[in-house]
């Protein structure tokens, strides 16, 4: 497990400013870089839907993996990433948009989490944030 990991079972190693064209390799950690409307770049670790995350504050994105990369379907923030996302108030929307993964980054400051969340929502306009 790499430093900074928030999950016990990582998937693949990747990084970059683009969501499209990233293909997963099994056995190591996947990361993606999401770019906010402000131009700020945020690196998130990608895990399969249902993975158990640690009880830390963070920003997360619900993703759908397509043939050419990931689609951002929701962006949120929480004080505890270990909470089960299957009980999320947007679960029906996640299912309609065929969620496959969750991406997350640790951020303990609630104020900073809210800033990052709004920056990413403004950039991606995820369908389940509406």
C-alpha atoms as a PDB file:
ATOM      1  CA  UNK A   1       0.000   0.000   0.000  1.00  0.00           C
ATOM      2  CA  UNK A   2       1.401   3.402  -0.964  1.00  0.00           C
ATOM      3  CA  UNK A   3       1.760   6.342   1.426  1.00  0.00           C
ATOM      4  CA  UNK A   4      -1.382   8.434   1.640  1.00  0.00           C
ATOM      5  CA  UNK A   5      -3.670   5.521   0.911  1.00  0.00           C
ATOM      6  CA  UNK A   6      -7.101   5.634   2.465  1.00  0.00           C
ATOM      7  CA  UNK A   7      -8.161   2.127   1.492  1.00  0.00           C
ATOM      8  CA  UNK A   8      -6.823  -1.319   2.276  1.00  0.00           C
ATOM      9  CA  UNK A   9      -7.073  -2.685  -1.278  1.00  0.00           C
ATOM     10  CA  UNK A  10      -5.834  -0.320  -4.001  1.00  0.00           C
ATOM     11  CA  UNK A  11      -6.496  -0.937  -7.694  1.00  0.00           C
ATOM     12  CA  UNK A  12      -3.862   0.588 -10.086  1.00  0.00           C
ATOM     13  CA  UNK A  13      -1.288   3.403 -10.476  1.00  0.00           C
ATOM     14  CA  UNK A  14      -2.193   6.295 -12.749  1.00  0.00           C
ATOM     15  CA  UNK A  15      -2.082  10.053 -12.648  1.00  0.00           C
ATOM     16  CA  UNK A  16      -2.548  12.945 -14.976  1.00  0.00           C
ATOM     17  CA  UNK A  17      -4.729  15.908 -15.750  1.00  0.00           C
ATOM     18  CA  UNK A  18      -7.068  13.977 -18.063  1.00  0.00           C
ATOM     19  CA  UNK A  19      -9.813  11.560 -17.084  1.00  0.00           C
ATOM     20  CA  UNK A  20     -10.077  10.029 -20.548  1.00  0.00           C
ATOM     21  CA  UNK A  21      -7.569   7.460 -21.718  1.00  0.00           C
ATOM     22  CA  UNK A  22      -6.605   6.169 -18.296  1.00  0.00           C
ATOM     23  CA  UNK A  23      -6.569   2.392 -18.159  1.00  0.00           C
ATOM     24  CA  UNK A  24      -6.260   0.438 -14.948  1.00  0.00           C
ATOM     25  CA  UNK A  25      -3.610  -2.166 -14.204  1.00  0.00           C
ATOM     26  CA  UNK A  26      -4.342  -4.580 -11.377  1.00  0.00           C
ATOM     27  CA  UNK A  27      -2.364  -4.817  -8.199  1.00  0.00           C
ATOM     28  CA  UNK A  28      -1.387  -1.218  -7.395  1.00  0.00           C
ATOM     29  CA  UNK A  29      -3.037   2.109  -6.622  1.00  0.00           C
ATOM     30  CA  UNK A  30      -4.953   4.254  -9.109  1.00  0.00           C
ATOM     31  CA  UNK A  31      -4.986   8.005  -8.863  1.00  0.00           C
ATOM     32  CA  UNK A  32      -6.707  10.594 -10.980  1.00  0.00           C
ATOM     33  CA  UNK A  33      -6.243  14.322 -11.093  1.00  0.00           C
ATOM     34  CA  UNK A  34      -9.407  16.389 -11.130  1.00  0.00           C
ATOM     35  CA  UNK A  35      -9.089  20.043 -12.107  1.00  0.00           C
ATOM     36  CA  UNK A  36     -11.334  22.608 -10.469  1.00  0.00           C
ATOM     37  CA  UNK A  37     -12.845  25.591 -12.223  1.00  0.00           C
ATOM     38  CA  UNK A  38     -10.158  27.673 -10.480  1.00  0.00           C
ATOM     39  CA  UNK A  39      -7.471  25.655 -12.275  1.00  0.00           C
ATOM     40  CA  UNK A  40      -6.356  23.976  -9.038  1.00  0.00           C
ATOM     41  CA  UNK A  41      -5.472  20.299  -9.447  1.00  0.00           C
ATOM     42  CA  UNK A  42      -6.568  17.682  -6.916  1.00  0.00           C
ATOM     43  CA  UNK A  43      -5.166  14.154  -6.812  1.00  0.00           C
ATOM     44  CA  UNK A  44      -7.675  11.535  -5.666  1.00  0.00           C
ATOM     45  CA  UNK A  45      -7.176   7.817  -5.069  1.00  0.00           C
ATOM     46  CA  UNK A  46      -9.588   5.598  -7.008  1.00  0.00           C
ATOM     47  CA  UNK A  47     -11.184   2.503  -5.480  1.00  0.00           C
ATOM     48  CA  UNK A  48     -13.882   0.073  -6.603  1.00  0.00           C
ATOM     49  CA  UNK A  49     -17.380   0.912  -5.391  1.00  0.00           C
ATOM     50  CA  UNK A  50     -17.924  -0.630  -1.948  1.00  0.00           C
ATOM     51  CA  UNK A  51     -14.269  -0.464  -0.839  1.00  0.00           C
ATOM     52  CA  UNK A  52     -13.817   0.238   2.877  1.00  0.00           C
ATOM     53  CA  UNK A  53     -12.203   3.649   3.422  1.00  0.00           C
ATOM     54  CA  UNK A  54     -10.577   4.997   6.574  1.00  0.00           C
ATOM     55  CA  UNK A  55     -12.414   7.209   9.076  1.00  0.00           C
ATOM     56  CA  UNK A  56     -10.821  10.505   8.008  1.00  0.00           C
ATOM     57  CA  UNK A  57     -12.199  13.705   6.545  1.00  0.00           C
ATOM     58  CA  UNK A  58     -12.016  14.086   2.800  1.00  0.00           C
ATOM     59  CA  UNK A  59     -13.381  15.082  -0.567  1.00  0.00           C
ATOM     60  CA  UNK A  60     -14.738  12.332  -2.789  1.00  0.00           C
ATOM     61  CA  UNK A  61     -16.116  11.759  -6.255  1.00  0.00           C
ATOM     62  CA  UNK A  62     -18.429   9.001  -7.423  1.00  0.00           C
ATOM     63  CA  UNK A  63     -17.217   7.777 -10.819  1.00  0.00           C
ATOM     64  CA  UNK A  64     -18.327   5.606 -13.695  1.00  0.00           C
ATOM     65  CA  UNK A  65     -15.572   3.854 -15.598  1.00  0.00           C
ATOM     66  CA  UNK A  66     -16.175   3.920 -19.334  1.00  0.00           C
ATOM     67  CA  UNK A  67     -14.067   2.494 -22.181  1.00  0.00           C
ATOM     68  CA  UNK A  68     -12.158   5.782 -22.488  1.00  0.00           C
ATOM     69  CA  UNK A  69     -11.785   6.786 -18.813  1.00  0.00           C
ATOM     70  CA  UNK A  70     -13.911   7.956 -15.889  1.00  0.00           C
ATOM     71  CA  UNK A  71     -17.049  10.075 -15.813  1.00  0.00           C
ATOM     72  CA  UNK A  72     -17.584  12.226 -12.692  1.00  0.00           C
ATOM     73  CA  UNK A  73     -21.167  11.696 -11.540  1.00  0.00           C
ATOM     74  CA  UNK A  74     -21.016  13.274  -8.071  1.00  0.00           C
ATOM     75  CA  UNK A  75     -18.625  15.316  -5.912  1.00  0.00           C
ATOM     76  CA  UNK A  76     -19.008  15.576  -2.142  1.00  0.00           C
ATOM     77  CA  UNK A  77     -17.163  16.050   1.123  1.00  0.00           C
ATOM     78  CA  UNK A  78     -17.405  14.377   4.497  1.00  0.00           C
ATOM     79  CA  UNK A  79     -15.812  14.355   7.927  1.00  0.00           C
ATOM     80  CA  UNK A  80     -15.682  10.525   7.770  1.00  0.00           C
ATOM     81  CA  UNK A  81     -14.853   8.678   4.538  1.00  0.00           C
ATOM     82  CA  UNK A  82     -15.585   5.343   6.245  1.00  0.00           C
ATOM     83  CA  UNK A  83     -19.333   5.995   6.157  1.00  0.00           C
ATOM     84  CA  UNK A  84     -21.052   3.607   3.760  1.00  0.00           C
ATOM     85  CA  UNK A  85     -21.840   5.293   0.461  1.00  0.00           C
ATOM     86  CA  UNK A  86     -24.596   2.739  -0.200  1.00  0.00           C
ATOM     87  CA  UNK A  87     -26.671   4.731   2.335  1.00  0.00           C
ATOM     88  CA  UNK A  88     -25.947   8.093   0.683  1.00  0.00           C
ATOM     89  CA  UNK A  89     -28.976  10.293  -0.030  1.00  0.00           C
ATOM     90  CA  UNK A  90     -28.055  10.246  -3.766  1.00  0.00           C
ATOM     91  CA  UNK A  91     -27.749   6.430  -4.039  1.00  0.00           C
ATOM     92  CA  UNK A  92     -30.574   6.199  -6.592  1.00  0.00           C
ATOM     93  CA  UNK A  93     -28.880   8.765  -8.818  1.00  0.00           C
ATOM     94  CA  UNK A  94     -25.536   6.939  -8.490  1.00  0.00           C
ATOM     95  CA  UNK A  95     -27.232   3.731  -9.633  1.00  0.00           C
ATOM     96  CA  UNK A  96     -29.006   5.412 -12.559  1.00  0.00           C
ATOM     97  CA  UNK A  97     -25.616   6.721 -13.728  1.00  0.00           C
ATOM     98  CA  UNK A  98     -23.985   3.277 -13.251  1.00  0.00           C
ATOM     99  CA  UNK A  99     -21.402   4.135 -10.588  1.00  0.00           C
ATOM    100  CA  UNK A 100     -18.339   1.853 -10.569  1.00  0.00           C
ATOM    101  CA  UNK A 101     -15.731   3.597  -8.413  1.00  0.00           C
ATOM    102  CA  UNK A 102     -15.184   6.130  -5.688  1.00  0.00           C
ATOM    103  CA  UNK A 103     -12.223   8.503  -5.708  1.00  0.00           C
ATOM    104  CA  UNK A 104     -11.157  10.290  -2.534  1.00  0.00           C
ATOM    105  CA  UNK A 105      -8.523  12.552  -1.060  1.00  0.00           C
ATOM    106  CA  UNK A 106      -7.846  13.218   2.608  1.00  0.00           C
ATOM    107  CA  UNK A 107      -8.567  16.753   3.803  1.00  0.00           C
ATOM    108  CA  UNK A 108      -9.161  17.245   7.517  1.00  0.00           C
ATOM    109  CA  UNK A 109     -10.203  20.929   7.306  1.00  0.00           C
ATOM    110  CA  UNK A 110     -13.955  21.214   6.757  1.00  0.00           C
ATOM    111  CA  UNK A 111     -13.517  24.723   5.396  1.00  0.00           C
ATOM    112  CA  UNK A 112     -10.993  23.512   2.809  1.00  0.00           C
ATOM    113  CA  UNK A 113     -13.160  20.476   1.935  1.00  0.00           C
ATOM    114  CA  UNK A 114     -16.075  22.788   1.144  1.00  0.00           C
ATOM    115  CA  UNK A 115     -13.860  24.991  -1.062  1.00  0.00           C
ATOM    116  CA  UNK A 116     -12.529  21.973  -2.999  1.00  0.00           C
ATOM    117  CA  UNK A 117     -16.000  20.449  -3.318  1.00  0.00           C
ATOM    118  CA  UNK A 118     -17.454  23.643  -4.821  1.00  0.00           C
ATOM    119  CA  UNK A 119     -14.441  24.115  -7.122  1.00  0.00           C
ATOM    120  CA  UNK A 120     -14.852  20.595  -8.545  1.00  0.00           C
ATOM    121  CA  UNK A 121     -18.652  20.850  -8.856  1.00  0.00           C
ATOM    122  CA  UNK A 122     -18.252  24.134 -10.774  1.00  0.00           C
ATOM    123  CA  UNK A 123     -15.775  22.450 -13.119  1.00  0.00           C
ATOM    124  CA  UNK A 124     -17.500  19.113 -13.806  1.00  0.00           C
ATOM    125  CA  UNK A 125     -21.199  19.908 -13.206  1.00  0.00           C
ATOM    126  CA  UNK A 126     -21.828  16.287 -12.109  1.00  0.00           C
ATOM    127  CA  UNK A 127     -25.363  15.008 -12.865  1.00  0.00           C
ATOM    128  CA  UNK A 128     -26.028  13.812  -9.293  1.00  0.00           C
ATOM    129  CA  UNK A 129     -25.050  17.165  -7.747  1.00  0.00           C
ATOM    130  CA  UNK A 130     -28.037  18.882  -9.386  1.00  0.00           C
END
